[in-house]
Amino acid sequence: MHQPPNGVPIPQLPPLSWQKSRRGNPSGNCVELAELPGGAGIAVRNSRHPEGPALIYTVDEIAAFVLGARDGDFDHLIN
């Protein structure tokens, strides 16, 4: 499976279904994630700059981040 490079301009990606956290706020302070076709990874973009660029991570990298966040590994960054 081919891993796209990081910092991909949004127009270079296929059409994606972006998802924003319910914890985002009306000011747009959030990130959005989208699954790449064929399991090629997860794209992440700043919701305030939907034109990109998008960072591309593997599913395993996103899983490690989400599970670490769930466990509180990054709580010190927002306190």
Protein backbone atom coordinates (compact mmCIF):
# COMPACT_ATOMS: atom_id res chain seq x y z
CA MET A 1 0.00 0.00 0.00
CA HIS A 2 1.37 3.41 -1.03
CA GLN A 3 1.65 6.03 1.74
CA PRO A 4 1.02 9.58 0.43
CA PRO A 5 3.55 12.22 1.52
CA ASN A 6 2.81 14.65 4.35
CA GLY A 7 1.76 18.24 3.74
CA VAL A 8 -0.47 17.31 0.80
CA PRO A 9 -2.46 20.20 -0.71
CA ILE A 10 -6.16 19.36 -0.46
CA PRO A 11 -6.73 19.70 -4.25
CA GLN A 12 -4.25 16.83 -4.76
CA LEU A 13 -6.35 14.46 -2.63
CA PRO A 14 -9.42 12.62 -3.88
CA PRO A 15 -12.78 13.87 -2.58
CA LEU A 16 -12.92 12.99 1.12
CA SER A 17 -15.57 12.92 3.80
CA TRP A 18 -14.12 15.15 6.54
CA GLN A 19 -15.21 14.72 10.15
CA LYS A 20 -14.83 17.29 12.91
CA SER A 21 -14.92 16.57 16.63
CA ARG A 22 -18.14 17.38 18.43
CA ARG A 23 -15.91 19.20 20.93
CA GLY A 24 -14.92 21.77 18.30
CA ASN A 25 -16.25 25.27 18.78
CA PRO A 26 -18.07 27.73 16.48
CA SER A 27 -14.81 29.68 15.98
CA GLY A 28 -13.44 26.76 13.99
CA ASN A 29 -10.76 25.81 16.50
CA CYS A 30 -10.66 22.17 15.54
CA VAL A 31 -9.02 19.63 13.30
CA GLU A 32 -10.82 17.45 10.80
CA LEU A 33 -9.98 13.89 9.87
CA ALA A 34 -10.84 11.86 6.79
CA GLU A 35 -10.15 8.27 5.79
CA LEU A 36 -8.17 7.93 2.57
CA PRO A 37 -9.46 5.49 -0.04
CA GLY A 38 -8.26 1.92 0.13
CA GLY A 39 -7.01 2.21 3.70
CA ALA A 40 -4.07 4.37 2.62
CA GLY A 41 -4.23 6.33 5.87
CA ILE A 42 -5.97 9.19 7.61
CA ALA A 43 -5.76 12.81 6.46
CA VAL A 44 -5.78 15.55 9.09
CA ARG A 45 -6.38 19.23 8.36
CA ASN A 46 -6.97 22.47 10.25
CA SER A 47 -10.68 23.27 10.10
CA ARG A 48 -9.88 26.97 9.74
CA HIS A 49 -7.85 26.22 6.60
CA PRO A 50 -9.84 23.56 4.74
CA GLU A 51 -7.86 24.21 1.56
CA GLY A 52 -4.90 22.52 3.23
CA PRO A 53 -2.36 21.28 3.54
CA ALA A 54 -3.37 17.96 5.05
CA LEU A 55 -1.05 15.77 7.07
CA ILE A 56 -1.28 12.06 6.33
CA TYR A 57 -0.96 9.41 9.05
CA THR A 58 -1.31 5.65 9.06
CA VAL A 59 -4.30 4.13 10.82
CA ASP A 60 -1.90 2.75 13.46
CA GLU A 61 -0.46 6.23 14.11
CA ILE A 62 -3.94 7.71 14.57
CA ALA A 63 -4.94 4.80 16.82
CA ALA A 64 -1.86 5.38 19.01
CA PHE A 65 -2.69 9.08 19.29
CA VAL A 66 -6.40 8.57 20.03
CA LEU A 67 -5.71 5.87 22.62
CA GLY A 68 -3.00 8.01 24.23
CA ALA A 69 -5.40 10.97 24.38
CA ARG A 70 -8.07 8.74 25.87
CA ASP A 71 -5.56 7.61 28.53
CA GLY A 72 -4.68 11.23 29.39
CA ASP A 73 -1.14 11.19 27.95
CA PHE A 74 -1.53 14.72 26.60
CA ASP A 75 -3.61 16.31 29.35
CA HIS A 76 -0.63 18.41 30.48
CA LEU A 77 -0.74 20.24 27.13
CA ILE A 78 -4.17 21.75 27.80
CA ASN A 79 -4.02 22.42 31.55
